[in-house]
Structure formats: structure tokens, C-alpha cells
């Protein structure tokens, strides 16, 4: 019987996975990420299933002699050393599709909150202040939405945007002209998108070529006052450029479901009881600076987190594990 360890699991995850896999596999559940610090817990595992905060680098994978498969419960896989996994013949599979509409809906939640000052109004009214002063918003109808990454999630964002009567331009290294015609948007170069968009929304994967895609070199091209939305990956924008754009008014506001260092501040409440690295302190400081801005809305990486999307993630993970166990692995990451 193959042994599977699941990391970063909630009680709801555990109930679903137990019901689907109990009796066929030996199961272990851990609420924390799998990292070099707790790698010993997975030493006897044939399969590990992780989410985005686990760090499966060479150092961690090398300490798992029985490991045969990594089933990440995410679409992205930059937290896994694929080259080392391939060298050790460790199968890696992911969940390629689960929440295209889910993330797109959260994206528009952030856009609408910023454009209509809903976050400011909420804070004001819970304090029993019902003055409308300073809360005037603006219509998104007729505005230019720039979508960076017009794949599964990006295309859903475009569909929603067209329903609001927005004009859409998109940047993507892979252009699907049939999709462009059907959805009624236009592909442009990145520089043009930055310069013409009233709202910029990121929906591309994070890798070596997209690392700091928006940075201090091109941030000055952004249309003055544009809203910036990131429900993809934090590393797509250089943190220095993000702060500079907000401070200088290049960005009129930002809706962030992700930010660089988010994994480091998850345990912020424990920092006073143990040694803390400069990297941790820097991440906390940058997060607090963003939180103190009235034109910034931050959510704790929950764009994917709907009942339906989580069930799709878990079911696909169960299918991936079952397929691997029967010798026909699915959703392989190459």
C-alpha cells in the first residue's frame, strides 16, 4: 500500500481526501507546508501532495529516498525543482484547471471595490459615519482593461469585462487570434498595454521569463492613475516598482491577492518569540506599508478559494494520485 503525505491541508481537505482515498492508500495529513525543516515527516512517503507554500527544492527532495510522485494541488509549480525531480525519476503532476472563473470573479471584486471605494465606505459605516464625502467612484464601462496573460483565467476576465462594456487589450507571448476575434479584444505589446490601460490585471504564470515583468525600468510607461490588480503571482511585479508607483501616483490604487514575502509573514504573530531574519522583517514592513494605504486592498491569497474550486482541486488531485498508482499518470508537469 502506497504511503501518501498531504501537506497544507485544512480539516475540510482532510475529510474529502479521507473519504476518497482511505483503504487504498496509507494516508498522512499535515497542516503545515513541507520544507527542509520538517522533511523527516515525509521520509517514508511514496507520494507527497503539497500546495504553494511547500518548498520542494533539491535539498528537500534529496532527503526523500522513497518519493515517487509529487502531486501539487496548484496550477503553478515554481515551488518544485523539476530538473532534480526528473533526474530522480520523480513524477510531478498538477491541477491545470480548477478556478478560471473563480479567480476572474475575485479579480472583478477587487476592481469594483477600488473603483467605487467600497472598502473605504465599509470602514466608514461600521464606525457609524454615513457621510458620502470623498467616496465618489468612477464607471468601469468604457474604460480600457489591460490583461497580461490571456489564458484560462485571463479569458474569463475578458468575458466579464466585455459584459461590463469595457474595452480590452491583452499581452500574451502565445496569441490565439480565434479567441481574440470571438471575445472582441486586441493583442498588443506589453509597453502599449501599460501605456493605454486604465486597469492592469495580471494573469500569467510565474517563471524565469515573467519574473518582475513589471519593474522599475518600465513602470514609468504606465498610464497615470491606472488601477493595478494582481491575483496571479507576487513575483510578476518588482516590489520596489509597486511601492514607487503607488507613492508617485502612477498607480491610482492596487488590489493585491498576492505580494512578495507573503509566505514569510504567515507566522508574523510568532516573530517575537524566536529569531527572525532580515528577510522576514523586510516582508512584514513592506506588507504594513501597503496596508496603510487607503487606495490598496489586500486579500490573503484567496482568489482561488471558493467551495466549488477547492472541490475541483481536491478531486483532480485524487484522480492524479489514482492515475499514478495504476501506472497511467495524468496532468504531468514537464
Protein backbone atom coordinates (compact mmCIF):
# COMPACT_ATOMS: atom_id res chain seq x y z
CA UNK A 1 0.00 0.00 0.00
CA UNK A 2 1.50 3.31 -1.11
CA UNK A 3 2.03 5.92 1.59
CA UNK A 4 0.83 9.45 0.81
CA UNK A 5 1.53 12.52 2.90
CA UNK A 6 -0.63 15.60 2.37
CA UNK A 7 0.70 18.99 3.44
CA UNK A 8 -1.04 22.37 3.85
CA UNK A 9 -4.39 20.64 4.39
CA UNK A 10 -7.42 22.05 6.15
CA UNK A 11 -9.91 19.92 8.11
CA UNK A 12 -12.25 20.13 5.10
CA UNK A 13 -9.48 18.90 2.80
CA UNK A 14 -8.76 16.02 5.14
CA UNK A 15 -12.39 14.87 5.21
CA UNK A 16 -12.64 14.92 1.40
CA UNK A 17 -9.32 13.12 0.85
CA UNK A 18 -10.00 10.52 3.55
CA UNK A 19 -13.35 9.67 2.01
CA UNK A 20 -11.87 9.39 -1.50
CA UNK A 21 -8.64 7.51 -0.74
CA UNK A 22 -8.97 5.69 2.59
CA UNK A 23 -8.46 1.94 2.30
CA UNK A 24 -6.49 2.18 -0.94
CA UNK A 25 -3.53 4.16 0.42
CA UNK A 26 -1.81 4.83 3.73
CA UNK A 27 -2.58 8.49 4.44
CA UNK A 28 -0.84 11.17 6.49
CA UNK A 29 -2.08 14.73 6.94
CA UNK A 30 -0.14 17.82 7.98
CA UNK A 31 -1.48 21.40 8.21
CA UNK A 32 1.95 22.97 7.68
CA UNK A 33 3.93 23.21 4.41
CA UNK A 34 6.59 20.64 3.57
CA UNK A 35 10.02 22.27 3.82
CA UNK A 36 13.57 21.42 4.81
CA UNK A 37 12.56 21.94 8.46
CA UNK A 38 10.04 19.09 8.60
CA UNK A 39 11.19 16.92 5.69
CA UNK A 40 11.71 14.00 8.07
CA UNK A 41 7.93 13.61 8.30
CA UNK A 42 7.86 12.60 4.62
CA UNK A 43 10.91 10.32 4.67
CA UNK A 44 8.82 7.16 4.19
CA UNK A 45 6.30 8.65 1.77
CA UNK A 46 5.91 7.30 -1.77
CA UNK A 47 3.76 10.31 -2.76
CA UNK A 48 3.55 13.79 -1.32
CA UNK A 49 0.79 16.26 -2.10
CA UNK A 50 1.54 19.92 -1.42
CA UNK A 51 0.20 23.39 -2.04
CA UNK A 52 2.01 26.62 -2.90
CA UNK A 53 3.92 27.29 0.33
CA UNK A 54 5.81 24.00 0.37
CA UNK A 55 9.38 24.26 -0.91
CA UNK A 56 10.43 21.14 -2.79
CA UNK A 57 13.91 22.16 -3.83
CA UNK A 58 16.85 19.83 -4.40
CA UNK A 59 17.80 19.88 -0.74
CA UNK A 60 14.35 18.76 0.37
CA UNK A 61 13.74 16.23 -2.39
CA UNK A 62 17.16 14.63 -1.86
CA UNK A 63 16.09 13.63 1.66
CA UNK A 64 13.07 11.67 0.43
CA UNK A 65 14.52 8.34 -0.77
CA UNK A 66 11.16 6.62 -1.35
CA UNK A 67 9.46 9.50 -3.11
CA UNK A 68 7.99 8.57 -6.49
CA UNK A 69 5.40 11.26 -7.11
CA UNK A 70 4.66 14.88 -6.18
CA UNK A 71 1.00 15.84 -6.62
CA UNK A 72 0.82 19.59 -6.20
CA UNK A 73 -2.67 20.94 -5.59
CA UNK A 74 -1.91 24.03 -7.64
CA UNK A 75 -1.57 25.04 -11.24
CA UNK A 76 1.81 26.68 -10.68
CA UNK A 77 4.85 24.55 -9.93
CA UNK A 78 7.69 27.03 -9.36
CA UNK A 79 7.96 25.70 -5.78
CA UNK A 80 9.23 22.36 -7.14
CA UNK A 81 12.69 21.65 -8.58
CA UNK A 82 11.53 19.95 -11.77
CA UNK A 83 15.04 19.33 -13.07
CA UNK A 84 16.08 17.42 -9.96
CA UNK A 85 12.75 15.57 -9.85
CA UNK A 86 13.25 14.43 -13.44
CA UNK A 87 16.78 13.28 -12.70
CA UNK A 88 15.48 11.18 -9.82
CA UNK A 89 12.52 9.91 -11.88
CA UNK A 90 10.00 11.54 -9.57
CA UNK A 91 6.69 12.16 -11.33
CA UNK A 92 5.26 15.65 -10.85
CA UNK A 93 1.61 16.38 -11.60
CA UNK A 94 -0.50 19.46 -11.04
CA UNK A 95 -4.07 20.75 -11.26
CA UNK A 96 -4.06 22.60 -14.57
CA UNK A 97 -7.67 23.79 -14.45
CA UNK A 98 -9.85 24.38 -11.43
CA UNK A 99 -10.72 28.01 -10.87
CA UNK A 100 -10.59 30.08 -14.04
CA UNK A 101 -13.95 31.70 -13.35
CA UNK A 102 -13.27 31.73 -9.59
CA UNK A 103 -10.11 33.83 -9.84
CA UNK A 104 -11.68 36.02 -12.51
CA UNK A 105 -14.63 36.78 -10.25
CA UNK A 106 -12.31 37.72 -7.38
CA UNK A 107 -10.39 39.94 -9.78
CA UNK A 108 -13.53 41.91 -10.51
CA UNK A 109 -14.38 42.02 -6.83
CA UNK A 110 -11.12 43.92 -6.31
CA UNK A 111 -11.70 46.15 -9.35
CA UNK A 112 -15.20 47.13 -8.24
CA UNK A 113 -14.15 47.69 -4.64
CA UNK A 114 -11.41 50.09 -5.74
CA UNK A 115 -13.32 51.89 -8.48
CA UNK A 116 -16.33 52.52 -6.22
CA UNK A 117 -14.43 52.94 -2.90
CA UNK A 118 -16.40 50.10 -1.33
CA UNK A 119 -13.59 49.26 1.10
CA UNK A 120 -13.44 52.85 2.36
CA UNK A 121 -17.23 53.07 2.64
CA UNK A 122 -17.37 49.87 4.68
CA UNK A 123 -14.77 51.06 7.18
CA UNK A 124 -16.60 54.38 7.49
CA UNK A 125 -20.08 52.91 8.01
CA UNK A 126 -19.02 50.38 10.69
CA UNK A 127 -17.90 53.46 12.60
CA UNK A 128 -21.45 54.83 12.17
CA UNK A 129 -20.27 57.50 9.74
CA UNK A 130 -22.55 57.68 6.70
CA UNK A 131 -21.03 60.73 5.04
CA UNK A 132 -20.51 60.20 1.26
CA UNK A 133 -17.75 62.80 1.14
CA UNK A 134 -14.66 61.53 -0.66
CA UNK A 135 -16.31 58.30 -1.75
CA UNK A 136 -17.19 59.25 -5.32
CA UNK A 137 -16.19 56.43 -7.65
CA UNK A 138 -15.96 56.01 -11.40
CA UNK A 139 -17.59 53.80 -14.02
CA UNK A 140 -15.64 50.91 -15.46
CA UNK A 141 -17.86 50.90 -18.56
CA UNK A 142 -15.86 52.27 -21.49
CA UNK A 143 -12.54 52.00 -19.65
CA UNK A 144 -9.52 50.15 -21.05
CA UNK A 145 -8.67 46.90 -19.27
CA UNK A 146 -5.19 45.52 -19.91
CA UNK A 147 -4.98 41.78 -19.32
CA UNK A 148 -1.46 40.36 -19.02
CA UNK A 149 -1.86 36.67 -19.74
CA UNK A 150 -4.93 35.78 -21.81
CA UNK A 151 -5.05 32.08 -20.96
CA UNK A 152 -7.71 30.25 -18.97
CA UNK A 153 -8.17 32.82 -16.20
CA UNK A 154 -7.38 35.81 -18.40
CA UNK A 155 -10.00 34.82 -20.95
CA UNK A 156 -12.65 34.63 -18.20
CA UNK A 157 -11.61 38.10 -17.04
CA UNK A 158 -12.04 39.32 -20.62
CA UNK A 159 -15.54 37.78 -20.84
CA UNK A 160 -16.60 39.52 -17.64
CA UNK A 161 -15.06 42.80 -18.78
CA UNK A 162 -16.99 42.71 -22.04
CA UNK A 163 -20.17 42.24 -20.02
CA UNK A 164 -19.37 45.49 -18.22
CA UNK A 165 -18.87 47.24 -21.56
CA UNK A 166 -15.10 47.62 -21.18
CA UNK A 167 -12.52 47.83 -23.94
CA UNK A 168 -9.94 45.05 -23.56
CA UNK A 169 -6.36 44.79 -24.73
CA UNK A 170 -4.14 41.86 -23.87
CA UNK A 171 -0.48 40.89 -23.80
CA UNK A 172 0.48 37.24 -24.17
CA UNK A 173 3.51 35.50 -25.67
CA UNK A 174 1.10 33.00 -27.23
CA UNK A 175 -1.57 34.68 -29.30
CA UNK A 176 -4.85 32.94 -30.04
CA UNK A 177 -6.37 35.02 -32.83
CA UNK A 178 -9.56 32.95 -32.91
CA UNK A 179 -10.10 33.79 -29.22
CA UNK A 180 -9.23 37.41 -29.97
CA UNK A 181 -11.96 37.60 -32.59
CA UNK A 182 -14.62 35.71 -30.62
CA UNK A 183 -14.14 37.67 -27.38
CA UNK A 184 -13.57 41.01 -29.06
CA UNK A 185 -10.25 42.10 -27.61
CA UNK A 186 -6.94 43.09 -29.18
CA UNK A 187 -3.42 41.77 -28.61
CA UNK A 188 -0.78 44.45 -28.08
CA UNK A 189 2.83 44.69 -26.96
CA UNK A 190 3.46 44.98 -23.23
CA UNK A 191 4.64 48.59 -23.45
CA UNK A 192 1.46 49.60 -25.29
CA UNK A 193 -0.71 47.82 -22.74
CA UNK A 194 0.99 49.64 -19.87
CA UNK A 195 0.52 52.98 -21.55
CA UNK A 196 -3.14 52.62 -22.56
CA UNK A 197 -4.78 50.67 -19.73
CA UNK A 198 -6.99 52.26 -17.09
CA UNK A 199 -6.80 48.97 -15.21
CA UNK A 200 -3.96 46.44 -15.45
CA UNK A 201 -4.65 42.87 -14.33
CA UNK A 202 -2.07 40.08 -14.11
CA UNK A 203 -2.98 36.51 -15.09
CA UNK A 204 0.22 34.92 -16.38
CA UNK A 205 2.30 32.15 -14.79
CA UNK A 206 5.40 32.92 -12.75
CA UNK A 207 8.69 31.65 -14.17
CA UNK A 208 12.15 32.92 -15.14
CA UNK A 209 10.84 34.87 -18.13
CA UNK A 210 7.97 36.53 -16.24
CA UNK A 211 9.93 37.34 -13.07
CA UNK A 212 9.45 41.08 -12.42
CA UNK A 213 7.70 41.50 -15.75
CA UNK A 214 6.68 44.92 -14.45
CA UNK A 215 9.69 46.62 -12.92
CA UNK A 216 11.47 49.91 -12.29
CA UNK A 217 12.54 50.06 -15.93
CA UNK A 218 9.03 50.01 -17.41
CA UNK A 219 6.84 51.27 -14.55
CA UNK A 220 7.11 54.79 -15.94
CA UNK A 221 5.23 53.69 -19.06
CA UNK A 222 2.05 53.04 -17.08
CA UNK A 223 -0.87 55.38 -17.71
CA UNK A 224 -1.08 57.82 -14.81
CA UNK A 225 -3.67 56.76 -12.24
CA UNK A 226 -4.23 53.22 -13.53
CA UNK A 227 -5.51 50.58 -11.14
CA UNK A 228 -3.25 47.58 -10.66
CA UNK A 229 -4.68 44.14 -9.89
CA UNK A 230 -2.64 41.04 -9.07
CA UNK A 231 -4.42 37.75 -8.40
CA UNK A 232 -1.66 35.71 -10.06
CA UNK A 233 1.82 35.63 -8.52
CA UNK A 234 3.66 38.24 -6.48
CA UNK A 235 6.94 37.94 -8.36
CA UNK A 236 5.40 39.26 -11.58
CA UNK A 237 5.97 42.81 -10.33
CA UNK A 238 9.08 44.13 -8.64
CA UNK A 239 8.16 45.22 -5.11
CA UNK A 240 10.18 48.42 -5.45
CA UNK A 241 8.22 49.30 -8.60
CA UNK A 242 4.90 48.60 -6.87
CA UNK A 243 5.70 50.91 -3.95
CA UNK A 244 7.11 53.59 -6.24
CA UNK A 245 4.03 53.52 -8.49
CA UNK A 246 1.68 53.88 -5.53
CA UNK A 247 3.75 56.61 -3.89
CA UNK A 248 4.10 58.65 -7.08
CA UNK A 249 0.51 58.27 -8.26
CA UNK A 250 1.40 56.14 -11.29
CA UNK A 251 -0.99 53.59 -9.81
CA UNK A 252 -4.24 55.13 -8.63
CA UNK A 253 -4.81 52.06 -6.49
CA UNK A 254 -3.96 48.38 -6.18
CA UNK A 255 -5.88 45.20 -5.46
CA UNK A 256 -3.47 42.50 -4.30
CA UNK A 257 -4.26 38.90 -3.53
CA UNK A 258 -0.53 38.17 -3.56
CA UNK A 259 2.60 40.05 -2.56
CA UNK A 260 6.30 39.23 -2.36
CA UNK A 261 7.14 37.73 1.01
CA UNK A 262 3.58 36.58 1.78
CA UNK A 263 4.89 33.17 2.79
CA UNK A 264 7.22 34.83 5.32
CA UNK A 265 4.53 36.83 7.13
CA UNK A 266 2.08 33.98 7.62
CA UNK A 267 3.60 33.44 11.07
CA UNK A 268 4.07 37.10 11.94
CA UNK A 269 2.47 36.61 15.35
CA UNK A 270 5.32 34.26 16.30
CA UNK A 271 8.12 36.65 15.44
CA UNK A 272 8.53 37.99 18.96
CA UNK A 273 9.25 34.53 20.35
CA UNK A 274 12.06 33.42 18.04
CA UNK A 275 14.96 34.65 15.96
CA UNK A 276 13.78 36.48 12.87
CA UNK A 277 15.72 37.03 9.67
CA UNK A 278 16.17 40.37 7.96
CA UNK A 279 14.17 38.89 5.07
CA UNK A 280 11.20 38.28 7.37
CA UNK A 281 11.34 41.79 8.80
CA UNK A 282 11.57 43.31 5.32
CA UNK A 283 8.50 41.37 4.17
CA UNK A 284 6.47 42.46 7.20
CA UNK A 285 7.49 46.10 6.76
CA UNK A 286 6.56 46.12 3.08
CA UNK A 287 3.23 44.46 3.83
CA UNK A 288 2.42 47.01 6.54
CA UNK A 289 3.28 49.92 4.23
CA UNK A 290 0.80 48.57 1.68
CA UNK A 291 -1.90 48.01 4.31
CA UNK A 292 -1.60 51.61 5.48
CA UNK A 293 -2.54 52.96 2.06
CA UNK A 294 -6.21 53.80 1.60
CA UNK A 295 -6.01 53.00 -2.11
CA UNK A 296 -4.74 49.44 -1.57
CA UNK A 297 -6.88 46.38 -0.90
CA UNK A 298 -5.12 43.18 0.14
CA UNK A 299 -6.67 39.73 0.44
CA UNK A 300 -4.80 36.69 1.84
CA UNK A 301 -4.30 34.67 -1.36
CA UNK A 302 -7.95 33.61 -1.57
CA UNK A 303 -8.78 34.35 -5.22
CA UNK A 304 -8.92 30.59 -5.87
CA UNK A 305 -10.79 29.82 -2.66
CA UNK A 306 -14.42 29.03 -3.39
CA UNK A 307 -16.28 25.90 -2.33
CA UNK A 308 -16.56 24.74 -5.93
CA UNK A 309 -12.94 25.48 -6.89
CA UNK A 310 -11.50 23.72 -3.84
CA UNK A 311 -13.59 20.64 -4.58
CA UNK A 312 -12.28 20.66 -8.15
CA UNK A 313 -8.69 20.92 -6.85
CA UNK A 314 -9.15 18.01 -4.45
CA UNK A 315 -10.95 15.81 -6.97
CA UNK A 316 -8.27 16.40 -9.61
CA UNK A 317 -5.60 15.59 -7.02
CA UNK A 318 -7.38 12.35 -6.14
CA UNK A 319 -7.59 11.50 -9.85
CA UNK A 320 -3.88 12.32 -10.32
CA UNK A 321 -2.87 10.06 -7.44
CA UNK A 322 -5.13 7.22 -8.60
CA UNK A 323 -3.80 7.51 -12.16
CA UNK A 324 -0.21 7.39 -10.96
CA UNK A 325 -0.91 4.37 -8.79
CA UNK A 326 -2.32 2.47 -11.77
CA UNK A 327 0.66 3.31 -13.97
CA UNK A 328 -1.03 5.93 -16.14
CA UNK A 329 -0.05 9.30 -14.62
CA UNK A 330 -2.14 12.30 -15.66
CA UNK A 331 -1.59 16.07 -15.71
CA UNK A 332 2.17 15.68 -15.85
CA UNK A 333 4.33 18.77 -15.44
CA UNK A 334 7.19 18.81 -17.93
